[in-house]
Amino acid sequence: MDEIGSPLLAWLRRASGPKGRKLLAADVASRAAQALRTDLVSVYDALRQLRVSELISYKPDTMGLPYAGYLTVVPVAADVSATEKAWREALVAVTDDAQLADALAVSHAIFDGLEAIDMQRVIQGLIRIRGAAASLEDDFGFSVSARHILGSSKVLSRLPLATQRLLGIDRLPSTPRYLVVAGPAQPTAVLFIENTTSFELAVKAGVDSSIALIAAYGYGLNMMSDSSAGLALLESVRSRGCEILSRTGSGHDLAELFSHQRTYFWGDLDREGLRIAHALRQHIPQLELSGLYLPMRAMVDRDESSHPYIMLSGKAQQAPWTPTGNVQLDELATACDARAVDQEAVDIGGCKHLASTSFRDAMSTHFDV
């Protein structure tokens, strides 16, 4: 169990009390993030791993996160299942590495339904992967998993992060990461866009005629109402290990785009969108908020053009804003503290003159929206 998983499980056990009362799933992640003083993304990852390890149970959404009903913490003194017993016996039969055996033992639930001989084959495959880890730097986790573990691509991604670290494959991306780029190879400005729907609408409006537009695509994205696409964008920028898909234009160079002096970000006007902007600035220091936030800033003050942080809007689990010291971000976070606006609400065709300027400049020059 990794550094977040253990304290999270301890907090969940305290919160559920000695009688193991059920916890409301809708807000448990944000409450845990506040209590543990950590970020929501880390809590999400830990919740998924605890559920896979059968230490907690809940009804998951499409991202594997609790979203409705209740979360239940499995009692400490739970009976050993037949799967756990068989898995531990397989570990004893295959390896005498106590550290590896202890790390793998907690993941027995993943292997429910496997015959004992297949369990041994899985462990042998994991040992091979650990031995070859140094040569796998340019590979993908799904490929490594399928080649070594019963032809199955997703086994490695289901293991806890601490176990992946022990195997030496924690930094392998599961699949290729893609950034889709529209616009000329030598743009006048670069605009990072959180949501792919708005990216496509910007292309259709001709915003890419002189500036470069960048968004992230990947499996499981583009159909969600949460921040999945924006977090994928952040991860691609953080790792720089991604491929370019050209929506329009060609010859795009990521290093040049990332270092462009006129670089902007446009996302949802909500806490998570602003957190993504703040995180992107850690990797692209010159990045500013786009002028396209100007109409959204006006919309968030009107109830008829904004929405609360509830399940209906996909924002019930967004944690309260923590001040960053960046005046602009903190002021916008205050403005959207109670209600939010999704970027898809902006008429990009009528506001495309704002795409190539900063929010700061748009505010000071009083652009029409």
Protein backbone atom coordinates (compact mmCIF):
# COMPACT_ATOMS: atom_id res chain seq x y z
CA MET A 1 0.00 0.00 0.00
CA ASP A 2 1.46 3.39 -0.98
CA GLU A 3 1.98 6.50 1.13
CA ILE A 4 -1.57 7.76 0.58
CA GLY A 5 -3.36 4.42 0.79
CA SER A 6 -2.36 3.56 4.37
CA PRO A 7 -3.34 6.89 5.99
CA LEU A 8 -6.50 7.01 3.86
CA LEU A 9 -7.57 3.54 5.06
CA ALA A 10 -6.85 4.56 8.65
CA TRP A 11 -8.94 7.73 8.22
CA LEU A 12 -11.82 5.78 6.66
CA ARG A 13 -11.78 3.33 9.57
CA ARG A 14 -11.86 6.20 12.07
CA ALA A 15 -14.65 7.94 10.15
CA SER A 16 -16.77 4.79 9.97
CA GLY A 17 -16.39 4.16 13.70
CA PRO A 18 -16.15 0.91 15.66
CA LYS A 19 -19.47 -0.35 14.31
CA GLY A 20 -18.41 0.20 10.70
CA ARG A 21 -21.15 2.64 9.73
CA LYS A 22 -21.46 3.41 6.04
CA LEU A 23 -20.03 6.68 4.66
CA LEU A 24 -21.75 8.80 2.01
CA ALA A 25 -19.88 8.11 -1.22
CA ALA A 26 -20.57 11.52 -2.80
CA ASP A 27 -18.31 13.57 -0.53
CA VAL A 28 -15.97 11.01 1.00
CA ALA A 29 -13.06 11.83 -1.37
CA SER A 30 -13.13 15.58 -0.76
CA ARG A 31 -13.48 15.06 3.02
CA ALA A 32 -10.50 12.68 3.03
CA ALA A 33 -8.37 15.06 0.94
CA GLN A 34 -9.03 17.85 3.46
CA ALA A 35 -8.38 15.65 6.48
CA LEU A 36 -5.14 14.21 5.08
CA ARG A 37 -4.00 17.55 3.59
CA THR A 38 -3.40 16.01 0.20
CA ASP A 39 -4.69 16.49 -3.33
CA LEU A 40 -7.92 14.99 -4.63
CA VAL A 41 -6.24 13.11 -7.50
CA SER A 42 -4.03 11.15 -5.04
CA VAL A 43 -7.11 10.29 -2.95
CA TYR A 44 -8.92 9.08 -6.08
CA ASP A 45 -6.00 6.77 -6.95
CA ALA A 46 -5.84 5.44 -3.38
CA LEU A 47 -9.60 4.79 -3.26
CA ARG A 48 -9.39 2.75 -6.46
CA GLN A 49 -6.48 0.71 -5.07
CA LEU A 50 -8.20 0.12 -1.72
CA ARG A 51 -11.30 -1.09 -3.56
CA VAL A 52 -9.24 -3.41 -5.78
CA SER A 53 -7.59 -4.76 -2.62
CA GLU A 54 -11.07 -5.36 -1.12
CA LEU A 55 -10.35 -3.13 1.87
CA ILE A 56 -13.32 -0.90 1.02
CA SER A 57 -16.38 -1.35 -1.12
CA TYR A 58 -18.57 1.10 -3.06
CA LYS A 59 -20.48 1.43 -6.31
CA PRO A 60 -17.93 2.86 -8.81
CA ASP A 61 -18.56 5.25 -11.66
CA THR A 62 -16.89 4.87 -15.07
CA MET A 63 -13.61 6.17 -13.61
CA GLY A 64 -13.72 3.65 -10.75
CA LEU A 65 -14.61 6.31 -8.17
CA PRO A 66 -17.39 6.40 -5.56
CA TYR A 67 -20.25 8.59 -6.77
CA ALA A 68 -23.55 7.47 -5.23
CA GLY A 69 -24.83 5.48 -2.30
CA TYR A 70 -22.40 4.49 0.42
CA LEU A 71 -18.78 3.47 0.95
CA THR A 72 -18.18 0.60 3.35
CA VAL A 73 -14.90 -0.18 5.11
CA VAL A 74 -14.17 -3.90 5.32
CA PRO A 75 -13.66 -5.00 8.94
CA VAL A 76 -10.06 -5.58 9.97
CA ALA A 77 -10.79 -9.11 11.08
CA ALA A 78 -12.34 -10.26 7.84
CA ASP A 79 -12.17 -13.96 7.11
CA VAL A 80 -9.47 -15.09 4.68
CA SER A 81 -11.11 -15.88 1.36
CA ALA A 82 -10.34 -18.92 -0.76
CA THR A 83 -8.73 -16.62 -3.34
CA GLU A 84 -6.42 -15.04 -0.76
CA LYS A 85 -5.43 -18.45 0.58
CA ALA A 86 -4.67 -19.78 -2.92
CA TRP A 87 -2.77 -16.61 -3.86
CA ARG A 88 -0.57 -16.77 -0.76
CA GLU A 89 0.15 -20.45 -1.43
CA ALA A 90 1.15 -19.58 -4.99
CA LEU A 91 3.53 -16.89 -3.70
CA VAL A 92 5.18 -19.39 -1.36
CA ALA A 93 5.53 -21.91 -4.20
CA VAL A 94 7.10 -19.45 -6.69
CA THR A 95 9.25 -16.97 -4.77
CA ASP A 96 11.32 -16.77 -1.61
CA ASP A 97 11.58 -12.97 -1.92
CA ALA A 98 9.75 -11.92 1.26
CA GLN A 99 9.51 -8.24 0.22
CA LEU A 100 7.94 -9.08 -3.12
CA ALA A 101 5.61 -11.67 -1.57
CA ASP A 102 4.38 -9.20 1.07
CA ALA A 103 3.79 -6.52 -1.57
CA LEU A 104 1.82 -8.87 -3.81
CA ALA A 105 -0.14 -10.57 -1.03
CA VAL A 106 -2.48 -7.59 -0.54
CA SER A 107 -3.57 -7.75 -4.19
CA HIS A 108 -5.11 -11.21 -4.01
CA ALA A 109 -8.57 -9.94 -4.99
CA ILE A 110 -7.32 -9.03 -8.47
CA PHE A 111 -6.67 -12.69 -9.18
CA ASP A 112 -10.03 -14.06 -8.10
CA GLY A 113 -11.15 -16.81 -10.49
CA LEU A 114 -7.66 -17.91 -11.55
CA GLU A 115 -6.59 -21.51 -11.18
CA ALA A 116 -3.62 -22.10 -8.89
CA ILE A 117 -1.33 -22.85 -11.85
CA ASP A 118 -2.30 -19.55 -13.50
CA MET A 119 -1.59 -17.70 -10.26
CA GLN A 120 1.91 -19.16 -10.33
CA ARG A 121 2.32 -18.09 -13.96
CA VAL A 122 1.30 -14.54 -13.04
CA ILE A 123 3.91 -14.39 -10.27
CA GLN A 124 6.58 -15.78 -12.60
CA GLY A 125 5.67 -13.10 -15.13
CA LEU A 126 5.95 -10.37 -12.51
CA ILE A 127 9.38 -11.66 -11.51
CA ARG A 128 10.48 -11.55 -15.17
CA ILE A 129 9.20 -8.01 -15.50
CA ARG A 130 11.09 -6.94 -12.39
CA GLY A 131 14.29 -8.42 -13.78
CA ALA A 132 13.87 -6.65 -17.12
CA ALA A 133 12.58 -3.32 -15.74
CA ALA A 134 15.72 -1.38 -16.67
CA SER A 135 15.21 -2.19 -20.36
CA LEU A 136 11.54 -1.26 -20.46
CA GLU A 137 11.85 2.54 -20.28
CA ASP A 138 10.40 3.16 -23.75
CA ASP A 139 7.61 0.61 -23.45
CA PHE A 140 3.97 0.83 -22.38
CA GLY A 141 2.54 -0.88 -19.33
CA PHE A 142 -0.25 -2.56 -21.29
CA SER A 143 2.28 -4.12 -23.68
CA VAL A 144 4.61 -5.30 -20.92
CA SER A 145 1.68 -6.81 -19.03
CA ALA A 146 0.31 -8.66 -22.07
CA ARG A 147 3.73 -10.08 -23.04
CA HIS A 148 4.52 -11.47 -19.61
CA ILE A 149 1.23 -12.11 -17.79
CA LEU A 150 -1.17 -14.55 -19.45
CA GLY A 151 -1.56 -12.34 -22.52
CA SER A 152 -3.50 -9.81 -20.41
CA SER A 153 -2.73 -6.10 -20.89
CA LYS A 154 -4.28 -4.61 -17.75
CA VAL A 155 -2.83 -6.66 -14.88
CA LEU A 156 0.05 -4.29 -14.12
CA SER A 157 -2.19 -1.21 -14.07
CA ARG A 158 -4.38 -2.84 -11.41
CA LEU A 159 -1.49 -3.36 -8.98
CA PRO A 160 -0.97 -0.75 -6.21
CA LEU A 161 1.54 1.99 -7.01
CA ALA A 162 3.88 0.77 -4.26
CA THR A 163 3.99 -2.68 -5.90
CA GLN A 164 4.61 -1.12 -9.32
CA ARG A 165 7.52 0.80 -7.79
CA LEU A 166 8.95 -2.41 -6.36
CA LEU A 167 8.72 -4.01 -9.80
CA GLY A 168 10.43 -0.96 -11.33
CA ILE A 169 7.61 -0.12 -13.73
CA ASP A 170 5.76 2.66 -11.85
CA ARG A 171 6.78 5.30 -14.42
CA LEU A 172 5.64 3.35 -17.46
CA PRO A 173 2.53 4.87 -19.04
CA SER A 174 -0.18 2.25 -19.47
CA THR A 175 -0.92 3.38 -23.02
CA PRO A 176 0.41 6.06 -25.38
CA ARG A 177 -0.50 9.62 -24.40
CA TYR A 178 -1.71 11.86 -27.17
CA LEU A 179 -1.93 15.60 -27.52
CA VAL A 180 -4.01 16.78 -30.44
CA VAL A 181 -2.83 20.04 -32.00
CA ALA A 182 -4.58 22.34 -34.45
CA GLY A 183 -3.09 25.37 -36.14
CA PRO A 184 0.09 26.48 -37.90
CA ALA A 185 3.54 25.16 -37.07
CA GLN A 186 4.67 28.70 -36.19
CA PRO A 187 1.66 30.13 -34.32
CA THR A 188 1.27 33.64 -32.91
CA ALA A 189 0.05 32.15 -29.62
CA VAL A 190 -0.66 28.76 -28.01
CA LEU A 191 -3.94 27.91 -26.26
CA PHE A 192 -4.23 24.83 -24.03
CA ILE A 193 -7.88 23.72 -23.82
CA GLU A 194 -9.21 21.59 -20.96
CA ASN A 195 -12.17 19.91 -22.69
CA THR A 196 -12.11 18.28 -26.09
CA THR A 197 -15.59 19.45 -27.06
CA SER A 198 -14.46 23.06 -26.77
CA PHE A 199 -11.29 22.22 -28.68
CA GLU A 200 -13.33 20.92 -31.60
CA LEU A 201 -15.72 23.86 -31.51
CA ALA A 202 -12.73 26.22 -31.56
CA VAL A 203 -11.40 24.46 -34.67
CA LYS A 204 -14.78 24.72 -36.38
CA ALA A 205 -14.89 28.43 -35.53
CA GLY A 206 -11.51 28.96 -37.21
CA VAL A 207 -9.65 29.90 -34.02
CA ASP A 208 -6.74 27.77 -35.28
CA SER A 209 -6.07 30.03 -38.28
CA SER A 210 -3.18 31.76 -36.54
CA ILE A 211 -2.84 30.24 -33.07
CA ALA A 212 -2.14 26.66 -31.99
CA LEU A 213 -4.79 24.81 -30.01
CA ILE A 214 -3.81 21.87 -27.78
CA ALA A 215 -5.97 19.29 -25.98
CA ALA A 216 -5.53 15.73 -24.72
CA TYR A 217 -7.28 12.60 -25.97
CA GLY A 218 -7.18 9.05 -24.62
CA TYR A 219 -9.32 6.03 -23.81
CA GLY A 220 -12.06 6.76 -21.33
CA LEU A 221 -11.98 10.49 -22.06
CA ASN A 222 -14.33 12.85 -23.88
CA MET A 223 -17.52 11.20 -22.58
CA MET A 224 -17.05 12.30 -18.96
CA SER A 225 -18.52 15.26 -17.10
CA ASP A 226 -15.54 15.45 -14.74
CA SER A 227 -11.97 16.72 -15.17
CA SER A 228 -10.57 13.59 -16.85
CA ALA A 229 -9.50 15.29 -20.08
CA GLY A 230 -7.97 18.22 -18.23
CA LEU A 231 -6.01 15.92 -15.94
CA ALA A 232 -4.79 13.98 -18.98
CA LEU A 233 -3.63 17.28 -20.47
CA LEU A 234 -1.76 18.08 -17.27
CA GLU A 235 -0.15 14.63 -17.16
CA SER A 236 0.97 14.91 -20.79
CA VAL A 237 2.58 18.30 -20.15
CA ARG A 238 4.16 17.05 -16.93
CA SER A 239 5.69 13.95 -18.48
CA ARG A 240 6.41 15.38 -21.95
CA GLY A 241 6.07 11.74 -23.03
CA CYS A 242 3.29 12.05 -25.55
CA GLU A 243 2.63 11.85 -29.26
CA ILE A 244 1.16 14.59 -31.46
CA LEU A 245 -2.01 14.10 -33.44
CA SER A 246 -2.50 16.98 -35.89
CA ARG A 247 -6.16 17.99 -36.16
CA THR A 248 -5.22 20.78 -38.60
CA GLY A 249 -1.82 21.86 -39.86
CA SER A 250 1.36 19.84 -39.45
CA GLY A 251 4.99 20.08 -38.42
CA HIS A 252 4.14 20.87 -34.81
CA ASP A 253 7.02 20.70 -32.34
CA LEU A 254 6.00 20.22 -28.70
CA ALA A 255 9.16 21.77 -27.27
CA GLU A 256 8.54 24.94 -29.27
CA LEU A 257 4.84 25.02 -28.41
CA PHE A 258 5.51 24.51 -24.69
CA SER A 259 8.08 27.32 -24.67
CA HIS A 260 6.03 29.84 -26.70
CA GLN A 261 5.99 33.20 -24.93
CA ARG A 262 2.28 33.76 -25.55
CA THR A 263 0.78 30.68 -23.94
CA TYR A 264 -2.73 30.55 -22.49
CA PHE A 265 -5.04 28.09 -20.78
CA TRP A 266 -8.81 27.88 -21.14
CA GLY A 267 -10.90 25.49 -19.07
CA ASP A 268 -14.02 25.30 -16.95
CA LEU A 269 -14.55 28.14 -14.50
CA ASP A 270 -14.67 25.86 -11.49
CA ARG A 271 -12.26 24.80 -8.75
CA GLU A 272 -10.84 21.81 -10.63
CA GLY A 273 -10.34 23.78 -13.84
CA LEU A 274 -8.41 26.45 -11.93
CA ARG A 275 -6.38 23.75 -10.14
CA ILE A 276 -5.39 22.35 -13.53
CA ALA A 277 -4.34 25.84 -14.65
CA HIS A 278 -2.27 26.28 -11.49
CA ALA A 279 -0.62 22.88 -11.94
CA LEU A 280 0.18 23.60 -15.61
CA ARG A 281 1.95 26.79 -14.56
CA GLN A 282 4.41 24.70 -12.55
CA HIS A 283 5.59 23.20 -15.85
CA ILE A 284 4.92 26.12 -18.21
CA PRO A 285 5.81 29.21 -16.13
CA GLN A 286 4.79 31.71 -18.83
CA LEU A 287 1.26 30.30 -19.07
CA GLU A 288 -1.60 32.74 -18.40
CA LEU A 289 -5.36 32.36 -18.32
CA SER A 290 -7.04 32.96 -21.68
CA GLY A 291 -9.23 35.94 -22.44
CA LEU A 292 -12.00 33.39 -23.04
CA TYR A 293 -12.54 33.41 -19.27
CA LEU A 294 -13.98 36.93 -19.65
CA PRO A 295 -17.49 35.87 -20.74
CA MET A 296 -17.42 33.04 -18.21
CA ARG A 297 -16.59 35.50 -15.43
CA ALA A 298 -19.75 37.41 -16.31
CA MET A 299 -21.83 34.22 -16.60
CA VAL A 300 -20.85 32.87 -13.17
CA ASP A 301 -22.52 35.86 -11.48
CA ARG A 302 -25.89 34.96 -13.02
CA ASP A 303 -27.82 31.97 -11.69
CA GLU A 304 -29.42 31.34 -15.07
CA SER A 305 -26.01 30.81 -16.72
CA SER A 306 -24.17 28.98 -13.92
CA HIS A 307 -24.63 25.85 -11.83
CA PRO A 308 -23.95 24.68 -8.25
CA TYR A 309 -21.42 22.04 -7.22
CA ILE A 310 -23.80 19.08 -7.14
CA MET A 311 -24.04 15.61 -8.64
CA LEU A 312 -26.13 16.90 -11.55
CA SER A 313 -23.23 19.01 -12.82
CA GLY A 314 -20.59 16.35 -12.09
CA LYS A 315 -18.94 18.61 -9.51
CA ALA A 316 -20.18 17.28 -6.16
CA GLN A 317 -16.74 15.95 -5.22
CA GLN A 318 -14.72 19.07 -6.03
CA ALA A 319 -12.79 20.08 -2.91
CA PRO A 320 -12.80 23.66 -1.60
CA TRP A 321 -10.16 25.96 -3.06
CA THR A 322 -6.85 26.37 -1.26
CA PRO A 323 -5.30 29.82 -1.85
CA THR A 324 -2.28 29.66 -4.18
CA GLY A 325 -0.83 33.15 -3.78
CA ASN A 326 -1.64 33.85 -7.43
CA VAL A 327 -3.99 36.82 -7.19
CA GLN A 328 -5.79 36.14 -10.47
CA LEU A 329 -6.43 32.45 -9.76
CA ASP A 330 -7.49 33.13 -6.18
CA GLU A 331 -9.89 35.89 -7.25
CA LEU A 332 -11.48 33.69 -9.90
CA ALA A 333 -11.74 30.84 -7.39
CA THR A 334 -13.62 33.18 -5.07
CA ALA A 335 -15.93 34.17 -7.93
CA CYS A 336 -16.78 30.52 -8.66
CA ASP A 337 -16.84 29.36 -5.05
CA ALA A 338 -20.58 28.66 -5.02
CA ARG A 339 -21.47 28.31 -8.70
CA ALA A 340 -19.50 27.32 -11.81
CA VAL A 341 -19.57 27.62 -15.60
CA ASP A 342 -18.40 24.96 -18.07
CA GLN A 343 -16.34 26.26 -20.96
CA GLU A 344 -18.72 24.68 -23.48
CA ALA A 345 -21.20 27.43 -22.53
CA VAL A 346 -19.07 30.01 -24.35
CA ASP A 347 -20.02 30.93 -27.91
CA ILE A 348 -16.50 30.48 -29.24
CA GLY A 349 -17.44 31.76 -32.68
CA GLY A 350 -18.53 35.08 -31.23
CA CYS A 351 -15.62 35.33 -28.81
CA LYS A 352 -12.69 34.05 -30.87
CA HIS A 353 -11.01 37.47 -30.67
CA LEU A 354 -10.41 36.62 -26.98
CA ALA A 355 -8.54 33.38 -27.68
CA SER A 356 -5.24 35.06 -28.56
CA THR A 357 -5.09 37.38 -25.57
CA SER A 358 -4.77 36.93 -21.83
CA PHE A 359 -7.61 37.26 -19.35
CA ARG A 360 -5.66 40.06 -17.68
CA ASP A 361 -5.43 42.05 -20.92
CA ALA A 362 -9.03 41.29 -21.84
CA MET A 363 -10.17 42.67 -18.49
CA SER A 364 -8.06 45.81 -18.77
CA THR A 365 -9.07 46.63 -22.36
CA HIS A 366 -12.77 45.86 -21.76
CA PHE A 367 -13.18 43.63 -24.80
CA ASP A 368 -16.76 43.10 -25.90
CA VAL A 369 -18.12 39.63 -25.16
